[in-house]
Amino acid sequence: MKIYGKCKNCQRELNFSSNSNTRVELAMNDGETIKLNCKSCGERNLFTVDEFYAKESKLAKIIAGLIFLIGTPFVLFLTYPILSESRNHYIIYVISGLLLFPVIVYAILKKQERTRINSFNRIKLKGRIQNIG
């Protein structure tokens, strides 16, 4: 998951990498305000945690796609000798189920990434009560 903010001068997206799943975690790990420098105009921007938004990372897409593209032929390669010699229909059903394994892993990875992004973008820190001490 990549975290972005818009430059206040040129409106370009500034990316910020963090392992935080929510804005609360981001504020706890990196502070409530984060300074980022724009690479195009050189402006130094000060962002609050609520000004950031998340997008799906290209790395997560690549990993999920590789699991799908490599996993499916790998399962076929492992099960081909059994399929070619067997006349039992139950084995064919089991192997067909094994072919679904890479598809299921791909779907789970994509769903987890979407859930993390949605939870980050949905929950904001505004309106919180600060401790007076």
N, C-alpha and C. Protein backbone atom coordinates (compact mmCIF):
# COMPACT_ATOMS: atom_id res chain seq x y z
N MET A 1 0.85 -1.17 0.00
CA MET A 1 0.00 0.00 0.00
C MET A 1 0.90 1.23 0.00
N LYS A 2 0.62 2.14 -0.91
CA LYS A 2 1.35 3.40 -0.99
C LYS A 2 0.46 4.50 -0.43
N ILE A 3 1.08 5.43 0.27
CA ILE A 3 0.37 6.56 0.85
C ILE A 3 0.79 7.81 0.09
N TYR A 4 -0.20 8.62 -0.30
CA TYR A 4 0.04 9.79 -1.13
C TYR A 4 -0.53 11.05 -0.49
N GLY A 5 0.06 12.19 -0.88
CA GLY A 5 -0.45 13.50 -0.54
C GLY A 5 -0.21 14.41 -1.74
N LYS A 6 -1.02 15.44 -1.90
CA LYS A 6 -0.89 16.36 -3.03
C LYS A 6 -0.03 17.55 -2.63
N CYS A 7 0.91 17.92 -3.51
CA CYS A 7 1.73 19.11 -3.29
C CYS A 7 0.83 20.34 -3.31
N LYS A 8 1.02 21.22 -2.36
CA LYS A 8 0.17 22.40 -2.24
C LYS A 8 0.51 23.45 -3.30
N ASN A 9 1.66 23.34 -3.94
CA ASN A 9 2.08 24.30 -4.96
C ASN A 9 1.72 23.82 -6.37
N CYS A 10 2.15 22.62 -6.75
CA CYS A 10 1.97 22.15 -8.13
C CYS A 10 0.93 21.03 -8.27
N GLN A 11 0.34 20.58 -7.18
CA GLN A 11 -0.71 19.55 -7.17
C GLN A 11 -0.24 18.17 -7.65
N ARG A 12 1.05 17.90 -7.62
CA ARG A 12 1.55 16.57 -7.96
C ARG A 12 1.43 15.65 -6.75
N GLU A 13 1.33 14.36 -7.02
CA GLU A 13 1.24 13.38 -5.93
C GLU A 13 2.63 13.13 -5.35
N LEU A 14 2.72 13.21 -4.04
CA LEU A 14 3.95 12.89 -3.32
C LEU A 14 3.70 11.58 -2.60
N ASN A 15 4.55 10.59 -2.85
CA ASN A 15 4.32 9.31 -2.19
C ASN A 15 5.14 9.19 -0.92
N PHE A 16 4.64 8.35 -0.05
CA PHE A 16 5.23 8.15 1.26
C PHE A 16 5.03 6.68 1.61
N SER A 17 6.09 5.99 1.94
CA SER A 17 5.99 4.57 2.26
C SER A 17 5.90 4.39 3.77
N SER A 18 4.96 3.55 4.15
CA SER A 18 4.78 3.24 5.56
C SER A 18 4.12 1.88 5.68
N ASN A 19 4.37 1.20 6.77
CA ASN A 19 3.74 -0.10 7.01
C ASN A 19 2.46 0.04 7.82
N SER A 20 1.99 1.25 8.01
CA SER A 20 0.79 1.50 8.80
C SER A 20 -0.45 1.11 8.01
N ASN A 21 -1.41 0.49 8.69
CA ASN A 21 -2.65 0.08 8.04
C ASN A 21 -3.75 1.12 8.18
N THR A 22 -3.67 1.98 9.18
CA THR A 22 -4.68 3.01 9.40
C THR A 22 -3.99 4.34 9.68
N ARG A 23 -4.77 5.40 9.67
CA ARG A 23 -4.22 6.72 9.97
C ARG A 23 -3.77 6.80 11.43
N VAL A 24 -4.46 6.08 12.29
CA VAL A 24 -4.08 6.08 13.71
C VAL A 24 -2.69 5.47 13.86
N GLU A 25 -2.44 4.36 13.19
CA GLU A 25 -1.11 3.75 13.24
C GLU A 25 -0.07 4.67 12.62
N LEU A 26 -0.43 5.35 11.54
CA LEU A 26 0.51 6.28 10.91
C LEU A 26 0.87 7.41 11.85
N ALA A 27 -0.13 7.94 12.56
CA ALA A 27 0.13 9.02 13.52
C ALA A 27 0.99 8.52 14.68
N MET A 28 0.76 7.30 15.13
CA MET A 28 1.55 6.75 16.23
C MET A 28 2.99 6.48 15.81
N ASN A 29 3.18 5.99 14.58
CA ASN A 29 4.53 5.64 14.11
C ASN A 29 5.34 6.84 13.63
N ASP A 30 4.71 7.74 12.86
CA ASP A 30 5.45 8.81 12.21
C ASP A 30 5.07 10.21 12.68
N GLY A 31 4.13 10.33 13.59
CA GLY A 31 3.71 11.64 14.08
C GLY A 31 2.47 12.13 13.35
N GLU A 32 1.83 13.15 13.92
CA GLU A 32 0.59 13.67 13.34
C GLU A 32 0.83 14.56 12.14
N THR A 33 2.02 15.14 12.02
CA THR A 33 2.37 15.93 10.84
C THR A 33 3.64 15.36 10.23
N ILE A 34 3.65 15.31 8.90
CA ILE A 34 4.77 14.73 8.17
C ILE A 34 5.20 15.71 7.10
N LYS A 35 6.51 15.95 7.00
CA LYS A 35 7.06 16.87 5.99
C LYS A 35 7.55 16.07 4.80
N LEU A 36 7.10 16.49 3.61
CA LEU A 36 7.55 15.87 2.37
C LEU A 36 7.99 16.95 1.39
N ASN A 37 9.05 16.69 0.68
CA ASN A 37 9.54 17.62 -0.34
C ASN A 37 9.05 17.18 -1.71
N CYS A 38 8.55 18.15 -2.49
CA CYS A 38 8.09 17.88 -3.85
C CYS A 38 9.32 17.82 -4.76
N LYS A 39 9.41 16.78 -5.56
CA LYS A 39 10.55 16.62 -6.45
C LYS A 39 10.45 17.49 -7.69
N SER A 40 9.24 17.89 -8.07
CA SER A 40 9.11 18.68 -9.29
C SER A 40 9.29 20.18 -9.05
N CYS A 41 8.69 20.72 -7.98
CA CYS A 41 8.79 22.17 -7.76
C CYS A 41 9.70 22.52 -6.59
N GLY A 42 10.11 21.54 -5.77
CA GLY A 42 11.01 21.80 -4.66
C GLY A 42 10.33 22.35 -3.42
N GLU A 43 9.02 22.45 -3.43
CA GLU A 43 8.26 22.98 -2.29
C GLU A 43 8.31 21.99 -1.13
N ARG A 44 8.47 22.52 0.07
CA ARG A 44 8.45 21.69 1.28
C ARG A 44 7.03 21.74 1.83
N ASN A 45 6.36 20.58 1.87
CA ASN A 45 4.96 20.49 2.28
C ASN A 45 4.84 19.86 3.65
N LEU A 46 3.96 20.40 4.45
CA LEU A 46 3.66 19.85 5.77
C LEU A 46 2.24 19.28 5.71
N PHE A 47 2.14 17.97 5.90
CA PHE A 47 0.85 17.27 5.82
C PHE A 47 0.43 16.79 7.20
N THR A 48 -0.86 16.91 7.47
CA THR A 48 -1.42 16.20 8.63
C THR A 48 -1.79 14.80 8.15
N VAL A 49 -2.01 13.91 9.08
CA VAL A 49 -2.30 12.52 8.74
C VAL A 49 -3.59 12.42 7.92
N ASP A 50 -4.55 13.29 8.18
CA ASP A 50 -5.83 13.23 7.47
C ASP A 50 -5.73 13.68 6.02
N GLU A 51 -4.65 14.34 5.62
CA GLU A 51 -4.50 14.79 4.24
C GLU A 51 -3.93 13.71 3.32
N PHE A 52 -3.50 12.60 3.87
CA PHE A 52 -2.98 11.50 3.06
C PHE A 52 -4.11 10.60 2.60
N TYR A 53 -3.88 9.90 1.49
CA TYR A 53 -4.79 8.87 1.01
C TYR A 53 -3.96 7.71 0.48
N ALA A 54 -4.56 6.54 0.42
CA ALA A 54 -3.84 5.33 0.03
C ALA A 54 -4.31 4.83 -1.32
N LYS A 55 -3.38 4.22 -2.04
CA LYS A 55 -3.66 3.56 -3.31
C LYS A 55 -3.01 2.19 -3.29
N GLU A 56 -3.46 1.35 -4.20
CA GLU A 56 -2.90 0.01 -4.29
C GLU A 56 -1.47 0.10 -4.81
N SER A 57 -0.59 -0.64 -4.17
CA SER A 57 0.81 -0.61 -4.56
C SER A 57 1.05 -1.52 -5.76
N LYS A 58 1.98 -1.13 -6.62
CA LYS A 58 2.30 -1.93 -7.79
C LYS A 58 2.97 -3.24 -7.38
N LEU A 59 3.69 -3.22 -6.27
CA LEU A 59 4.36 -4.42 -5.81
C LEU A 59 3.35 -5.50 -5.45
N ALA A 60 2.25 -5.14 -4.80
CA ALA A 60 1.22 -6.12 -4.45
C ALA A 60 0.58 -6.70 -5.70
N LYS A 61 0.36 -5.87 -6.72
CA LYS A 61 -0.19 -6.37 -7.98
C LYS A 61 0.76 -7.35 -8.65
N ILE A 62 2.05 -7.02 -8.63
CA ILE A 62 3.05 -7.88 -9.27
C ILE A 62 3.15 -9.22 -8.56
N ILE A 63 3.18 -9.21 -7.24
CA ILE A 63 3.28 -10.45 -6.47
C ILE A 63 2.05 -11.33 -6.70
N ALA A 64 0.87 -10.73 -6.65
CA ALA A 64 -0.35 -11.51 -6.87
C ALA A 64 -0.39 -12.07 -8.29
N GLY A 65 0.02 -11.28 -9.26
CA GLY A 65 0.03 -11.75 -10.64
C GLY A 65 1.04 -12.87 -10.86
N LEU A 66 2.22 -12.76 -10.24
CA LEU A 66 3.22 -13.82 -10.36
C LEU A 66 2.75 -15.12 -9.73
N ILE A 67 2.08 -15.03 -8.60
CA ILE A 67 1.55 -16.24 -7.97
C ILE A 67 0.55 -16.92 -8.91
N PHE A 68 -0.28 -16.12 -9.54
CA PHE A 68 -1.27 -16.67 -10.46
C PHE A 68 -0.61 -17.25 -11.71
N LEU A 69 0.32 -16.49 -12.33
CA LEU A 69 0.93 -16.93 -13.58
C LEU A 69 1.90 -18.09 -13.41
N ILE A 70 2.60 -18.15 -12.29
CA ILE A 70 3.55 -19.23 -12.06
C ILE A 70 2.86 -20.43 -11.40
N GLY A 71 1.92 -20.15 -10.52
CA GLY A 71 1.27 -21.23 -9.77
C GLY A 71 0.43 -22.15 -10.62
N THR A 72 -0.31 -21.61 -11.58
CA THR A 72 -1.19 -22.43 -12.41
C THR A 72 -0.40 -23.42 -13.27
N PRO A 73 0.61 -22.99 -14.05
CA PRO A 73 1.38 -23.98 -14.81
C PRO A 73 2.14 -24.97 -13.91
N PHE A 74 2.57 -24.50 -12.73
CA PHE A 74 3.28 -25.38 -11.81
C PHE A 74 2.37 -26.51 -11.33
N VAL A 75 1.14 -26.20 -11.00
CA VAL A 75 0.19 -27.23 -10.58
C VAL A 75 -0.09 -28.18 -11.74
N LEU A 76 -0.24 -27.66 -12.94
CA LEU A 76 -0.44 -28.52 -14.11
C LEU A 76 0.76 -29.44 -14.35
N PHE A 77 1.96 -28.89 -14.19
CA PHE A 77 3.17 -29.69 -14.38
C PHE A 77 3.25 -30.83 -13.37
N LEU A 78 2.90 -30.55 -12.13
CA LEU A 78 2.97 -31.58 -11.10
C LEU A 78 1.89 -32.65 -11.26
N THR A 79 0.77 -32.28 -11.80
CA THR A 79 -0.35 -33.23 -11.86
C THR A 79 -0.51 -33.89 -13.22
N TYR A 80 0.23 -33.50 -14.23
CA TYR A 80 0.06 -34.08 -15.57
C TYR A 80 0.33 -35.58 -15.60
N PRO A 81 1.39 -36.10 -14.96
CA PRO A 81 1.60 -37.56 -15.00
C PRO A 81 0.42 -38.34 -14.40
N ILE A 82 -0.19 -37.81 -13.39
CA ILE A 82 -1.33 -38.49 -12.77
C ILE A 82 -2.53 -38.46 -13.71
N LEU A 83 -2.75 -37.33 -14.36
CA LEU A 83 -3.89 -37.19 -15.27
C LEU A 83 -3.75 -38.07 -16.51
N SER A 84 -2.54 -38.17 -17.04
CA SER A 84 -2.36 -38.93 -18.28
C SER A 84 -2.50 -40.43 -18.07
N GLU A 85 -2.22 -40.94 -16.88
CA GLU A 85 -2.29 -42.38 -16.64
C GLU A 85 -3.60 -42.82 -15.98
N SER A 86 -4.34 -41.90 -15.44
CA SER A 86 -5.51 -42.26 -14.66
C SER A 86 -6.77 -42.24 -15.52
N ARG A 87 -7.64 -43.21 -15.25
CA ARG A 87 -8.95 -43.23 -15.88
C ARG A 87 -10.03 -42.97 -14.83
N ASN A 88 -9.59 -42.70 -13.63
CA ASN A 88 -10.50 -42.45 -12.53
C ASN A 88 -10.95 -40.99 -12.56
N HIS A 89 -12.26 -40.77 -12.59
CA HIS A 89 -12.79 -39.42 -12.69
C HIS A 89 -12.63 -38.62 -11.40
N TYR A 90 -12.53 -39.30 -10.28
CA TYR A 90 -12.39 -38.60 -9.00
C TYR A 90 -11.04 -37.89 -8.91
N ILE A 91 -10.00 -38.49 -9.46
CA ILE A 91 -8.67 -37.86 -9.45
C ILE A 91 -8.71 -36.60 -10.30
N ILE A 92 -9.42 -36.63 -11.40
CA ILE A 92 -9.54 -35.45 -12.26
C ILE A 92 -10.23 -34.33 -11.50
N TYR A 93 -11.24 -34.65 -10.71
CA TYR A 93 -11.92 -33.63 -9.91
C TYR A 93 -11.00 -33.02 -8.86
N VAL A 94 -10.18 -33.87 -8.22
CA VAL A 94 -9.24 -33.38 -7.20
C VAL A 94 -8.21 -32.45 -7.84
N ILE A 95 -7.70 -32.84 -8.98
CA ILE A 95 -6.69 -32.02 -9.65
C ILE A 95 -7.31 -30.72 -10.16
N SER A 96 -8.54 -30.75 -10.60
CA SER A 96 -9.22 -29.52 -10.98
C SER A 96 -9.35 -28.58 -9.79
N GLY A 97 -9.58 -29.15 -8.61
CA GLY A 97 -9.62 -28.34 -7.39
C GLY A 97 -8.26 -27.75 -7.07
N LEU A 98 -7.19 -28.50 -7.33
CA LEU A 98 -5.84 -27.99 -7.11
C LEU A 98 -5.52 -26.82 -8.05
N LEU A 99 -6.09 -26.83 -9.23
CA LEU A 99 -5.88 -25.72 -10.16
C LEU A 99 -6.49 -24.44 -9.64
N LEU A 100 -7.47 -24.55 -8.78
CA LEU A 100 -8.09 -23.36 -8.20
C LEU A 100 -7.22 -22.72 -7.13
N PHE A 101 -6.24 -23.45 -6.60
CA PHE A 101 -5.40 -22.95 -5.52
C PHE A 101 -4.70 -21.64 -5.88
N PRO A 102 -4.00 -21.51 -7.02
CA PRO A 102 -3.38 -20.22 -7.35
C PRO A 102 -4.40 -19.10 -7.53
N VAL A 103 -5.56 -19.43 -8.04
CA VAL A 103 -6.61 -18.42 -8.22
C VAL A 103 -7.10 -17.92 -6.87
N ILE A 104 -7.24 -18.83 -5.92
CA ILE A 104 -7.70 -18.46 -4.57
C ILE A 104 -6.66 -17.60 -3.86
N VAL A 105 -5.38 -17.96 -3.97
CA VAL A 105 -4.31 -17.17 -3.35
C VAL A 105 -4.28 -15.77 -3.95
N TYR A 106 -4.41 -15.68 -5.28
CA TYR A 106 -4.45 -14.38 -5.96
C TYR A 106 -5.61 -13.54 -5.43
N ALA A 107 -6.78 -14.13 -5.33
CA ALA A 107 -7.96 -13.40 -4.86
C ALA A 107 -7.81 -12.93 -3.42
N ILE A 108 -7.22 -13.77 -2.58
CA ILE A 108 -7.02 -13.40 -1.16
C ILE A 108 -6.06 -12.22 -1.05
N LEU A 109 -4.96 -12.26 -1.78
CA LEU A 109 -3.99 -11.15 -1.73
C LEU A 109 -4.62 -9.84 -2.20
N LYS A 110 -5.39 -9.89 -3.29
CA LYS A 110 -6.04 -8.68 -3.79
C LYS A 110 -7.07 -8.16 -2.79
N LYS A 111 -7.81 -9.05 -2.16
CA LYS A 111 -8.83 -8.62 -1.20
C LYS A 111 -8.20 -8.00 0.04
N GLN A 112 -7.12 -8.57 0.53
CA GLN A 112 -6.44 -8.00 1.69
C GLN A 112 -5.91 -6.60 1.39
N GLU A 113 -5.35 -6.41 0.21
CA GLU A 113 -4.84 -5.09 -0.17
C GLU A 113 -5.98 -4.07 -0.26
N ARG A 114 -7.09 -4.47 -0.87
CA ARG A 114 -8.24 -3.56 -0.97
C ARG A 114 -8.80 -3.22 0.40
N THR A 115 -8.83 -4.19 1.31
CA THR A 115 -9.33 -3.95 2.66
C THR A 115 -8.45 -2.97 3.40
N ARG A 116 -7.12 -3.12 3.29
CA ARG A 116 -6.20 -2.19 3.94
C ARG A 116 -6.36 -0.78 3.40
N ILE A 117 -6.50 -0.64 2.09
CA ILE A 117 -6.65 0.67 1.48
C ILE A 117 -7.96 1.31 1.90
N ASN A 118 -9.04 0.54 1.87
CA ASN A 118 -10.34 1.09 2.26
C ASN A 118 -10.37 1.51 3.72
N SER A 119 -9.76 0.73 4.60
CA SER A 119 -9.76 1.10 6.02
C SER A 119 -8.91 2.34 6.25
N PHE A 120 -7.81 2.49 5.51
CA PHE A 120 -6.97 3.69 5.66
C PHE A 120 -7.72 4.93 5.17
N ASN A 121 -8.35 4.84 4.02
CA ASN A 121 -9.02 6.00 3.43
C ASN A 121 -10.32 6.36 4.15
N ARG A 122 -10.96 5.41 4.78
CA ARG A 122 -12.26 5.65 5.41
C ARG A 122 -12.15 6.30 6.78
N ILE A 123 -11.21 5.87 7.59
CA ILE A 123 -11.12 6.32 8.98
C ILE A 123 -10.15 7.51 9.07
N LYS A 124 -10.63 8.62 9.61
CA LYS A 124 -9.80 9.81 9.77
C LYS A 124 -9.64 10.15 11.25
N LEU A 125 -8.64 10.98 11.54
CA LEU A 125 -8.37 11.36 12.93
C LEU A 125 -9.14 12.59 13.37
N LYS A 126 -9.74 13.32 12.47
CA LYS A 126 -10.40 14.57 12.83
C LYS A 126 -11.49 14.32 13.87
N GLY A 127 -11.65 15.26 14.78
CA GLY A 127 -12.67 15.15 15.80
C GLY A 127 -12.26 14.32 17.00
N ARG A 128 -11.01 13.93 17.08
CA ARG A 128 -10.57 13.13 18.22
C ARG A 128 -10.44 14.01 19.47
N ILE A 129 -10.53 13.42 20.60
CA ILE A 129 -10.41 14.15 21.87
C ILE A 129 -8.97 13.99 22.36
N GLN A 130 -8.32 15.09 22.62
CA GLN A 130 -6.95 15.03 23.10
C GLN A 130 -6.95 15.06 24.63
N ASN A 131 -6.01 14.38 25.21
CA ASN A 131 -5.86 14.38 26.66
C ASN A 131 -5.32 15.72 27.12
N ILE A 132 -5.94 16.26 28.14
CA ILE A 132 -5.45 17.50 28.74
C ILE A 132 -4.76 17.11 30.03
N GLY A 133 -3.50 17.37 30.09
CA GLY A 133 -2.79 16.85 31.23
C GLY A 133 -1.97 17.84 31.86
